[in-house]
Amino acid sequence: MSILGVELRRSAALGAASITVVIGVGALYLASDRWSSGWMPLAMAVREYLLLLWPLALAAGAWQGRREHRAKVGELFTTTARPRVQRMLPVAGAMAITLAIAYLLVTAAGIAWMITTAQHLPLLNFVVVTGVGVLSLIAAAWLGLGIGRMFPALVTAPALGVAGVLLVFVSAIRPADWLAAAISPVHGTSRFHAWQTIDNRVSGALSIWMLALAITGLLLLVAGGWRARTAALLPVLLGLTGAIAVVPRDRDVLNWPVDPIARELVCTEDTPTVCVSRLHANVLEALTPLAREGLTVLAKLPNAPTAVHEDTSTYVSGDIRPAQDGVVTIPIRIDSRGGLAHPVAVLPEIVNRLGVGYDERCQNRNDVVERAAAYWLLGREPQSDVGVIPGMLSEDPEINAEAVRLWQGLRELPYDEALARVTAVRDAILACTDTTGMLSGSAR
């Protein structure tokens, strides 16, 4: 324990851990809106940042591995009776302990940020994904230690750092999905939908591979000759074989699996009903009055919808959930503090398309007519979606100008006539027919 304490104080372990914490926490907080919705998004975000942290650990291990060569004491130590393994294990232990704590501190910083808002905790998956991240960082450090001791040149550490970045990045995007999932610590961590998770079979395969790398690095660190160093490659071959045998081949499982519990709807107890996914349950209170205001606006139409649900479709995998009768579906966005983002967009998104859900099979949309009809229900002049609907960056000014003209025409009509035309537009949207010209013309 005293030797381990010396290694903790005097080796590169504390420095590498400190840099890991600074980079990891900084990267998390700079993009907190990407993971602030819950525990699993946080675990995946920290794993994704292994794109930076894994090469750092690899380079730190290599720098530490050349210590004896740098101090020119290698030959001196070989004359001592103390076994090489006994000398090297405290170094490896110090690197493992400090980097594991550093990874957990980065995760804890994220938990502290969203602990008051995140409600859905898939405990097993969270622990597994985090644990695999810790193992990956240790494997990188131990592999770096072994390579640094084998090739104790000054350029080894920076070269390994660059190679590590390329290795992690290329292995995540270039090979077949199943191979990337088995060997890359960041594969599958980029989120393409809110309810994404990492399948435990994928985590198991990656654990086998990272454990093999760690063992190889440790064997290289303690190896005394070329035969031992050659034998140290055996765990890599066995680990790769085992990981490939275990990893699933289903593309949806590899890339964007869904946590079904996170996607379950949680609804208000009173009516009109408003529902969000369990992952976003913390914004239900903030969303409810806005959603009900939208339903009140739509209530002017006959057979108007009576509920608002979060759209839980996962478009990247083609899992499009058809809207239920009487239900308006809208996207839910989470801000950097875990609350409801863009609340001003809720009302327009409910009233746009007059409460009819989007159907990709319908190619007869006329945004001008739909906007004029929607803003007639809202009782105010149409405005551009730019600055209102997130992601809308530009729009032809003629679109809104034409919508204003149609809206003014509706206002000049008797209320019943205007309502009939707006209702006809809604029915045409439901029937996937063209709505062009349905608001033009004088009163009948």
Protein backbone atom coordinates (compact mmCIF):
# COMPACT_ATOMS: atom_id res chain seq x y z
CA MET A 1 0.00 0.00 0.00
CA SER A 2 2.87 2.39 0.72
CA ILE A 3 4.32 1.71 -2.75
CA LEU A 4 0.91 2.31 -4.31
CA GLY A 5 0.68 5.58 -2.38
CA VAL A 6 4.03 6.68 -3.77
CA GLU A 7 2.87 5.83 -7.29
CA LEU A 8 -0.34 7.79 -6.79
CA ARG A 9 1.66 10.85 -5.74
CA ARG A 10 4.59 10.70 -8.12
CA SER A 11 3.44 8.95 -11.29
CA ALA A 12 1.46 10.41 -14.17
CA ALA A 13 -1.74 8.90 -12.72
CA LEU A 14 -3.02 11.98 -10.89
CA GLY A 15 -2.14 14.28 -13.77
CA ALA A 16 -3.93 12.07 -16.29
CA ALA A 17 -6.97 11.79 -14.02
CA SER A 18 -7.10 15.55 -13.48
CA ILE A 19 -6.97 16.25 -17.22
CA THR A 20 -9.66 13.62 -17.77
CA VAL A 21 -11.97 15.31 -15.27
CA VAL A 22 -11.39 18.78 -16.72
CA ILE A 23 -11.95 17.71 -20.32
CA GLY A 24 -14.87 15.42 -19.49
CA VAL A 25 -16.77 17.86 -17.30
CA GLY A 26 -16.06 20.75 -19.66
CA ALA A 27 -17.36 18.80 -22.64
CA LEU A 28 -20.47 17.77 -20.70
CA TYR A 29 -21.36 21.25 -19.57
CA LEU A 30 -20.72 22.81 -22.96
CA ALA A 31 -23.43 20.60 -24.47
CA SER A 32 -25.69 19.87 -21.51
CA ASP A 33 -28.86 20.03 -23.63
CA ARG A 34 -27.77 16.77 -25.30
CA TRP A 35 -28.04 14.70 -22.10
CA SER A 36 -29.96 16.76 -19.53
CA SER A 37 -33.17 14.77 -20.13
CA GLY A 38 -32.13 11.74 -18.10
CA TRP A 39 -29.74 9.19 -16.71
CA MET A 40 -29.26 7.09 -19.81
CA PRO A 41 -28.55 10.07 -22.08
CA LEU A 42 -25.92 11.15 -19.54
CA ALA A 43 -24.24 7.73 -19.46
CA MET A 44 -24.17 7.66 -23.26
CA ALA A 45 -22.78 11.20 -23.47
CA VAL A 46 -19.89 10.41 -21.13
CA ARG A 47 -19.16 7.29 -23.16
CA GLU A 48 -19.26 9.32 -26.35
CA TYR A 49 -16.57 11.62 -24.95
CA LEU A 50 -14.25 8.64 -24.80
CA LEU A 51 -13.44 9.84 -28.30
CA LEU A 52 -11.27 12.35 -26.40
CA LEU A 53 -10.61 10.55 -23.12
CA TRP A 54 -9.58 7.14 -24.47
CA PRO A 55 -6.64 8.48 -26.54
CA LEU A 56 -5.67 10.68 -23.58
CA ALA A 57 -5.49 7.63 -21.29
CA LEU A 58 -3.55 5.71 -23.95
CA ALA A 59 -1.00 8.52 -24.26
CA ALA A 60 -0.75 8.98 -20.47
CA GLY A 61 -0.05 5.27 -20.06
CA ALA A 62 2.65 5.39 -22.72
CA TRP A 63 4.28 8.39 -21.05
CA GLN A 64 4.30 6.58 -17.73
CA GLY A 65 5.54 3.36 -19.36
CA ARG A 66 8.80 4.97 -20.46
CA ARG A 67 9.66 6.18 -16.94
CA GLU A 68 12.45 3.68 -16.31
CA HIS A 69 14.01 4.46 -19.67
CA ARG A 70 13.69 8.19 -19.06
CA ALA A 71 15.35 7.87 -15.65
CA LYS A 72 17.96 5.44 -17.05
CA VAL A 73 17.39 2.93 -14.26
CA GLY A 74 16.17 -0.01 -16.34
CA GLU A 75 19.38 -2.00 -16.08
CA LEU A 76 19.66 -1.22 -12.38
CA PHE A 77 16.20 -2.61 -11.65
CA THR A 78 16.90 -5.78 -13.61
CA THR A 79 19.71 -6.59 -11.16
CA THR A 80 17.39 -6.54 -8.14
CA ALA A 81 15.80 -9.67 -6.75
CA ARG A 82 12.36 -8.14 -6.74
CA PRO A 83 10.15 -9.67 -9.49
CA ARG A 84 9.22 -7.43 -12.41
CA VAL A 85 5.52 -8.10 -11.84
CA GLN A 86 5.77 -6.84 -8.27
CA ARG A 87 7.45 -3.65 -9.46
CA MET A 88 4.99 -2.93 -12.26
CA LEU A 89 1.66 -3.72 -10.64
CA PRO A 90 1.58 -0.62 -8.39
CA VAL A 91 2.06 1.57 -11.48
CA ALA A 92 -0.80 -0.16 -13.27
CA GLY A 93 -2.93 -0.02 -10.12
CA ALA A 94 -2.37 3.71 -9.70
CA MET A 95 -3.37 4.42 -13.29
CA ALA A 96 -6.45 2.21 -13.01
CA ILE A 97 -7.65 3.68 -9.70
CA THR A 98 -7.21 7.33 -10.66
CA LEU A 99 -8.72 7.03 -14.14
CA ALA A 100 -11.68 5.02 -12.83
CA ILE A 101 -12.34 7.70 -10.21
CA ALA A 102 -11.93 10.40 -12.86
CA TYR A 103 -14.54 8.77 -15.12
CA LEU A 104 -16.95 8.42 -12.20
CA LEU A 105 -16.36 12.06 -11.21
CA VAL A 106 -17.27 13.19 -14.72
CA THR A 107 -20.45 11.13 -14.48
CA ALA A 108 -21.17 12.51 -10.99
CA ALA A 109 -20.82 16.06 -12.34
CA GLY A 110 -23.52 15.27 -14.87
CA ILE A 111 -25.75 13.70 -12.22
CA ALA A 112 -25.44 16.80 -10.05
CA TRP A 113 -26.57 18.90 -13.02
CA MET A 114 -29.79 17.02 -13.76
CA ILE A 115 -30.59 15.21 -10.49
CA THR A 116 -33.60 17.43 -9.75
CA THR A 117 -35.22 16.95 -13.17
CA ALA A 118 -34.32 13.44 -14.37
CA GLN A 119 -36.93 10.91 -13.27
CA HIS A 120 -36.52 7.74 -15.31
CA LEU A 121 -33.56 5.71 -14.03
CA PRO A 122 -32.86 2.42 -15.89
CA LEU A 123 -30.48 1.37 -13.15
CA LEU A 124 -29.04 -1.80 -14.70
CA ASN A 125 -28.33 -0.24 -18.09
CA PHE A 126 -26.93 2.91 -16.52
CA VAL A 127 -24.53 0.93 -14.35
CA VAL A 128 -23.50 -1.35 -17.23
CA VAL A 129 -22.85 1.48 -19.69
CA THR A 130 -20.92 3.45 -17.07
CA GLY A 131 -18.96 0.38 -15.98
CA VAL A 132 -17.95 -0.40 -19.55
CA GLY A 133 -16.75 3.20 -19.89
CA VAL A 134 -14.57 2.80 -16.79
CA LEU A 135 -13.17 -0.49 -18.10
CA SER A 136 -12.43 1.13 -21.48
CA LEU A 137 -10.42 3.91 -19.86
CA ILE A 138 -8.40 1.44 -17.76
CA ALA A 139 -7.77 -0.72 -20.83
CA ALA A 140 -6.44 2.30 -22.73
CA ALA A 141 -4.10 3.25 -19.88
CA TRP A 142 -2.75 -0.29 -19.41
CA LEU A 143 -2.28 -0.76 -23.15
CA GLY A 144 -0.40 2.53 -23.22
CA LEU A 145 1.78 1.39 -20.31
CA GLY A 146 2.75 -1.78 -22.15
CA ILE A 147 3.46 -0.06 -25.44
CA GLY A 148 5.34 2.76 -23.72
CA ARG A 149 7.61 0.29 -21.97
CA MET A 150 8.23 -1.60 -25.22
CA PHE A 151 8.93 1.55 -27.24
CA PRO A 152 10.19 4.14 -24.74
CA ALA A 153 10.85 6.85 -27.32
CA LEU A 154 9.80 10.42 -26.61
CA VAL A 155 7.45 10.40 -29.59
CA THR A 156 5.56 7.27 -28.48
CA ALA A 157 3.03 8.99 -26.19
CA PRO A 158 1.94 11.76 -28.60
CA ALA A 159 1.92 9.32 -31.50
CA LEU A 160 -0.32 6.95 -29.54
CA GLY A 161 -2.61 9.84 -28.64
CA VAL A 162 -3.13 10.73 -32.29
CA ALA A 163 -3.43 7.08 -33.28
CA GLY A 164 -5.98 6.58 -30.50
CA VAL A 165 -8.20 9.37 -31.81
CA LEU A 166 -8.07 7.92 -35.31
CA LEU A 167 -8.62 4.39 -34.04
CA VAL A 168 -11.66 5.25 -31.96
CA PHE A 169 -13.18 7.47 -34.62
CA VAL A 170 -12.56 5.21 -37.60
CA SER A 171 -13.56 2.04 -35.75
CA ALA A 172 -16.84 3.70 -34.79
CA ILE A 173 -17.89 4.64 -38.34
CA ARG A 174 -16.02 2.61 -40.95
CA PRO A 175 -16.37 -1.14 -40.23
CA ALA A 176 -19.57 -3.13 -40.32
CA ASP A 177 -21.93 -2.11 -37.51
CA TRP A 178 -21.46 -5.35 -35.60
CA LEU A 179 -17.66 -5.10 -35.71
CA ALA A 180 -17.68 -1.43 -34.71
CA ALA A 181 -19.97 -2.24 -31.79
CA ALA A 182 -17.58 -4.96 -30.63
CA ILE A 183 -14.37 -2.88 -30.70
CA SER A 184 -15.21 0.83 -30.39
CA PRO A 185 -16.07 2.33 -26.97
CA VAL A 186 -18.03 5.15 -28.61
CA HIS A 187 -20.08 3.18 -31.15
CA GLY A 188 -23.81 3.53 -30.52
CA THR A 189 -23.42 6.41 -28.07
CA SER A 190 -24.42 9.21 -30.46
CA ARG A 191 -28.12 9.76 -29.80
CA PHE A 192 -30.52 9.71 -32.75
CA HIS A 193 -33.69 9.69 -30.66
CA ALA A 194 -34.64 10.52 -27.10
CA TRP A 195 -35.26 6.94 -25.90
CA GLN A 196 -32.05 5.44 -27.20
CA THR A 197 -30.10 3.01 -25.06
CA ILE A 198 -27.25 0.53 -25.44
CA ASP A 199 -28.15 -3.13 -25.54
CA ASN A 200 -26.50 -5.19 -22.79
CA ARG A 201 -25.29 -7.74 -25.36
CA VAL A 202 -23.36 -4.96 -27.10
CA SER A 203 -21.93 -3.88 -23.76
CA GLY A 204 -20.94 -7.47 -23.05
CA ALA A 205 -19.08 -7.81 -26.34
CA LEU A 206 -17.24 -4.54 -25.83
CA SER A 207 -16.34 -5.56 -22.27
CA ILE A 208 -14.69 -8.73 -23.56
CA TRP A 209 -12.63 -6.74 -26.06
CA MET A 210 -11.59 -4.06 -23.57
CA LEU A 211 -10.68 -6.66 -20.96
CA ALA A 212 -8.50 -8.37 -23.57
CA LEU A 213 -6.74 -5.08 -24.36
CA ALA A 214 -6.18 -4.46 -20.65
CA ILE A 215 -4.67 -7.91 -20.13
CA THR A 216 -2.44 -7.50 -23.16
CA GLY A 217 -1.23 -4.13 -21.92
CA LEU A 218 -0.50 -5.59 -18.50
CA LEU A 219 1.39 -8.53 -19.98
CA LEU A 220 3.45 -6.20 -22.17
CA LEU A 221 4.23 -4.12 -19.11
CA VAL A 222 5.65 -7.06 -17.14
CA ALA A 223 7.08 -9.05 -20.05
CA GLY A 224 10.79 -9.77 -19.83
CA GLY A 225 11.60 -10.96 -23.35
CA TRP A 226 10.33 -11.25 -26.89
CA ARG A 227 8.60 -14.58 -26.26
CA ALA A 228 6.56 -13.11 -23.40
CA ARG A 229 5.73 -10.07 -25.48
CA THR A 230 4.60 -12.23 -28.38
CA ALA A 231 2.45 -14.30 -26.01
CA ALA A 232 0.88 -11.07 -24.75
CA LEU A 233 -0.88 -10.76 -28.10
CA LEU A 234 -2.87 -13.92 -27.43
CA PRO A 235 -5.51 -12.19 -25.21
CA VAL A 236 -6.18 -9.69 -28.02
CA LEU A 237 -6.90 -12.49 -30.49
CA LEU A 238 -9.05 -14.40 -28.00
CA GLY A 239 -10.85 -11.22 -26.93
CA LEU A 240 -11.64 -10.17 -30.49
CA THR A 241 -12.92 -13.65 -31.26
CA GLY A 242 -15.09 -13.68 -28.14
CA ALA A 243 -16.45 -10.18 -28.76
CA ILE A 244 -17.37 -11.01 -32.36
CA ALA A 245 -19.09 -14.20 -31.20
CA VAL A 246 -21.16 -12.37 -28.58
CA VAL A 247 -22.11 -9.14 -30.38
CA PRO A 248 -25.59 -9.18 -31.98
CA ARG A 249 -26.06 -8.61 -35.70
CA ASP A 250 -29.42 -6.79 -35.69
CA ARG A 251 -28.77 -3.27 -37.00
CA ASP A 252 -31.47 -1.66 -34.87
CA VAL A 253 -30.04 -3.29 -31.74
CA LEU A 254 -26.53 -2.16 -32.62
CA ASN A 255 -27.19 1.45 -33.53
CA TRP A 256 -30.33 2.90 -31.98
CA PRO A 257 -32.18 0.48 -29.67
CA VAL A 258 -35.22 1.82 -27.83
CA ASP A 259 -35.79 1.67 -24.09
CA PRO A 260 -39.52 0.75 -24.10
CA ILE A 261 -40.05 1.86 -20.51
CA ALA A 262 -38.57 5.28 -21.22
CA ARG A 263 -40.95 5.63 -24.17
CA GLU A 264 -44.09 4.71 -22.21
CA LEU A 265 -46.59 7.55 -21.89
CA VAL A 266 -47.28 9.25 -18.58
CA CYS A 267 -50.53 11.24 -18.58
CA THR A 268 -52.41 13.81 -16.55
CA GLU A 269 -55.12 12.43 -14.28
CA ASP A 270 -57.69 15.01 -15.35
CA THR A 271 -58.94 16.03 -18.78
CA PRO A 272 -58.18 17.21 -21.41
CA THR A 273 -55.50 14.55 -21.34
CA VAL A 274 -51.87 15.48 -21.92
CA CYS A 275 -49.24 12.74 -22.12
CA VAL A 276 -45.47 12.66 -22.39
CA SER A 277 -42.95 9.84 -22.40
CA ARG A 278 -41.71 8.60 -19.05
CA LEU A 279 -38.27 10.01 -19.88
CA HIS A 280 -39.78 13.50 -20.11
CA ALA A 281 -42.24 13.18 -17.22
CA ASN A 282 -40.72 16.15 -15.43
CA VAL A 283 -42.02 18.59 -18.10
CA LEU A 284 -45.62 17.36 -17.96
CA GLU A 285 -46.64 20.08 -15.50
CA ALA A 286 -45.16 22.84 -17.66
CA LEU A 287 -46.57 21.40 -20.87
CA THR A 288 -50.14 20.80 -19.69
CA PRO A 289 -51.51 24.39 -19.71
CA LEU A 290 -49.91 25.09 -23.09
CA ALA A 291 -51.28 21.89 -24.59
CA ARG A 292 -54.77 22.52 -23.22
CA GLU A 293 -54.71 26.02 -24.65
CA GLY A 294 -54.07 24.46 -28.05
CA LEU A 295 -56.92 21.99 -27.60
CA THR A 296 -59.23 24.87 -26.68
CA VAL A 297 -58.33 26.58 -29.95
CA LEU A 298 -58.98 23.40 -31.95
CA ALA A 299 -62.27 22.86 -30.12
CA LYS A 300 -63.86 25.39 -32.53
CA LEU A 301 -63.76 22.65 -35.19
CA PRO A 302 -66.28 19.80 -35.27
CA ASN A 303 -64.91 16.48 -33.98
CA ALA A 304 -61.87 18.27 -32.65
CA PRO A 305 -59.08 16.31 -30.90
CA THR A 306 -59.34 16.04 -27.15
CA ALA A 307 -55.81 14.99 -26.13
CA VAL A 308 -52.19 15.89 -26.75
CA HIS A 309 -49.48 13.22 -26.74
CA GLU A 310 -45.76 13.43 -27.19
CA ASP A 311 -44.68 12.06 -30.54
CA THR A 312 -42.70 8.94 -29.60
CA SER A 313 -41.85 7.86 -33.14
CA THR A 314 -38.23 7.01 -33.84
CA TYR A 315 -37.83 8.26 -37.37
CA VAL A 316 -34.23 7.10 -37.77
CA SER A 317 -35.33 3.47 -37.55
CA GLY A 318 -38.57 3.99 -39.45
CA ASP A 319 -40.74 3.32 -36.39
CA ILE A 320 -43.50 5.82 -37.19
CA ARG A 321 -46.36 5.57 -34.74
CA PRO A 322 -49.70 6.51 -36.33
CA ALA A 323 -51.69 9.14 -34.48
CA GLN A 324 -54.78 7.94 -32.64
CA ASP A 325 -58.16 9.42 -33.41
CA GLY A 326 -58.76 12.51 -31.34
CA VAL A 327 -55.08 12.89 -30.41
CA VAL A 328 -52.60 15.56 -31.47
CA THR A 329 -48.95 14.50 -31.36
CA ILE A 330 -46.14 17.00 -30.91
CA PRO A 331 -42.39 16.73 -30.31
CA ILE A 332 -41.04 17.46 -26.84
CA ARG A 333 -37.72 19.25 -26.52
CA ILE A 334 -35.63 19.47 -23.37
CA ASP A 335 -33.47 22.46 -22.49
CA SER A 336 -30.01 22.45 -20.96
CA ARG A 337 -31.44 22.36 -17.41
CA GLY A 338 -33.80 19.47 -18.07
CA GLY A 339 -36.93 21.62 -18.41
CA LEU A 340 -39.30 22.23 -21.33
CA ALA A 341 -37.47 23.92 -24.18
CA HIS A 342 -39.17 26.31 -26.63
CA PRO A 343 -42.52 26.57 -24.84
CA VAL A 344 -43.67 29.23 -27.34
CA ALA A 345 -43.60 26.56 -30.05
CA VAL A 346 -46.11 24.27 -28.30
CA LEU A 347 -49.28 26.17 -29.29
CA PRO A 348 -48.37 26.63 -32.97
CA GLU A 349 -47.28 22.99 -33.28
CA ILE A 350 -50.64 21.82 -31.90
CA VAL A 351 -52.72 24.12 -34.09
CA ASN A 352 -50.61 23.80 -37.26
CA ARG A 353 -52.18 21.31 -39.66
CA LEU A 354 -55.35 21.91 -37.63
CA GLY A 355 -54.55 19.10 -35.22
CA VAL A 356 -53.91 16.47 -37.89
CA GLY A 357 -50.74 14.44 -37.41
CA TYR A 358 -48.02 14.47 -40.03
CA ASP A 359 -48.26 11.66 -42.58
CA GLU A 360 -45.24 11.18 -44.84
CA ARG A 361 -47.46 9.46 -47.40
CA CYS A 362 -49.33 12.72 -48.02
CA GLN A 363 -47.45 14.94 -50.45
CA ASN A 364 -50.24 17.47 -51.01
CA ARG A 365 -49.36 19.86 -48.22
CA ASN A 366 -49.93 23.53 -48.79
CA ASP A 367 -48.21 25.38 -45.97
CA VAL A 368 -49.78 28.70 -46.93
CA VAL A 369 -53.37 27.45 -46.68
CA GLU A 370 -52.69 25.49 -43.48
CA ARG A 371 -51.03 28.47 -41.82
CA ALA A 372 -53.85 30.86 -42.74
CA ALA A 373 -56.44 28.42 -41.40
CA ALA A 374 -54.50 27.75 -38.20
CA TYR A 375 -53.99 31.43 -37.41
CA TRP A 376 -57.65 32.13 -38.09
CA LEU A 377 -58.42 29.68 -35.28
CA LEU A 378 -55.79 31.38 -33.11
CA GLY A 379 -57.38 34.76 -33.80
CA ARG A 380 -54.17 36.51 -34.80
CA GLU A 381 -52.25 37.41 -37.91
CA PRO A 382 -50.03 34.67 -39.36
CA GLN A 383 -46.32 34.90 -38.69
CA SER A 384 -43.27 33.16 -40.05
CA ASP A 385 -42.20 29.92 -38.40
CA VAL A 386 -38.64 31.27 -38.24
CA GLY A 387 -37.87 32.01 -34.60
CA VAL A 388 -40.98 30.12 -33.44
CA ILE A 389 -40.53 26.53 -34.59
CA PRO A 390 -37.09 25.15 -33.60
CA GLY A 391 -34.97 24.20 -36.57
CA MET A 392 -36.72 26.59 -38.94
CA LEU A 393 -33.83 28.81 -40.03
CA SER A 394 -35.19 30.53 -43.13
CA GLU A 395 -38.38 30.96 -45.11
CA ASP A 396 -39.47 32.70 -48.29
CA PRO A 397 -41.22 35.94 -47.18
CA GLU A 398 -43.84 35.35 -49.88
CA ILE A 399 -45.15 32.33 -47.98
CA ASN A 400 -46.22 34.31 -44.95
CA ALA A 401 -47.40 37.26 -47.04
CA GLU A 402 -49.76 34.96 -48.96
CA ALA A 403 -50.92 33.36 -45.69
CA VAL A 404 -51.74 36.83 -44.32
CA ARG A 405 -53.76 37.59 -47.46
CA LEU A 406 -55.79 34.39 -47.11
CA TRP A 407 -56.23 35.03 -43.38
CA GLN A 408 -57.58 38.51 -44.09
CA GLY A 409 -60.02 36.99 -46.57
CA LEU A 410 -61.24 34.59 -43.89
CA ARG A 411 -61.76 37.45 -41.44
CA GLU A 412 -64.01 39.23 -43.94
CA LEU A 413 -66.31 36.22 -44.18
CA PRO A 414 -69.17 35.48 -41.80
CA TYR A 415 -67.97 33.32 -38.92
CA ASP A 416 -69.91 30.21 -39.99
CA GLU A 417 -68.64 30.47 -43.57
CA ALA A 418 -65.03 30.93 -42.45
CA LEU A 419 -65.33 28.01 -40.02
CA ALA A 420 -66.77 25.80 -42.77
CA ARG A 421 -63.79 26.57 -45.01
CA VAL A 422 -61.29 25.89 -42.26
CA THR A 423 -63.10 22.64 -41.47
CA ALA A 424 -62.93 21.69 -45.14
CA VAL A 425 -59.18 22.30 -45.08
CA ARG A 426 -58.86 20.03 -42.05
CA ASP A 427 -60.91 17.30 -43.77
CA ALA A 428 -58.74 17.59 -46.88
CA ILE A 429 -55.60 17.15 -44.80
CA LEU A 430 -57.12 14.04 -43.22
CA ALA A 431 -57.95 12.70 -46.68
CA CYS A 432 -54.48 13.54 -48.07
CA THR A 433 -55.97 15.74 -50.78
CA ASP A 434 -54.71 19.07 -52.08
CA THR A 435 -55.86 22.10 -50.08
CA THR A 436 -54.77 24.72 -52.63
CA GLY A 437 -57.50 27.27 -53.31
CA MET A 438 -59.80 26.11 -50.53
CA LEU A 439 -59.60 29.47 -48.73
CA SER A 440 -59.80 31.65 -51.83
CA GLY A 441 -62.92 33.24 -53.25
CA SER A 442 -65.73 35.38 -51.86
CA ALA A 443 -68.56 34.40 -49.59
CA ARG A 444 -71.14 32.03 -51.01
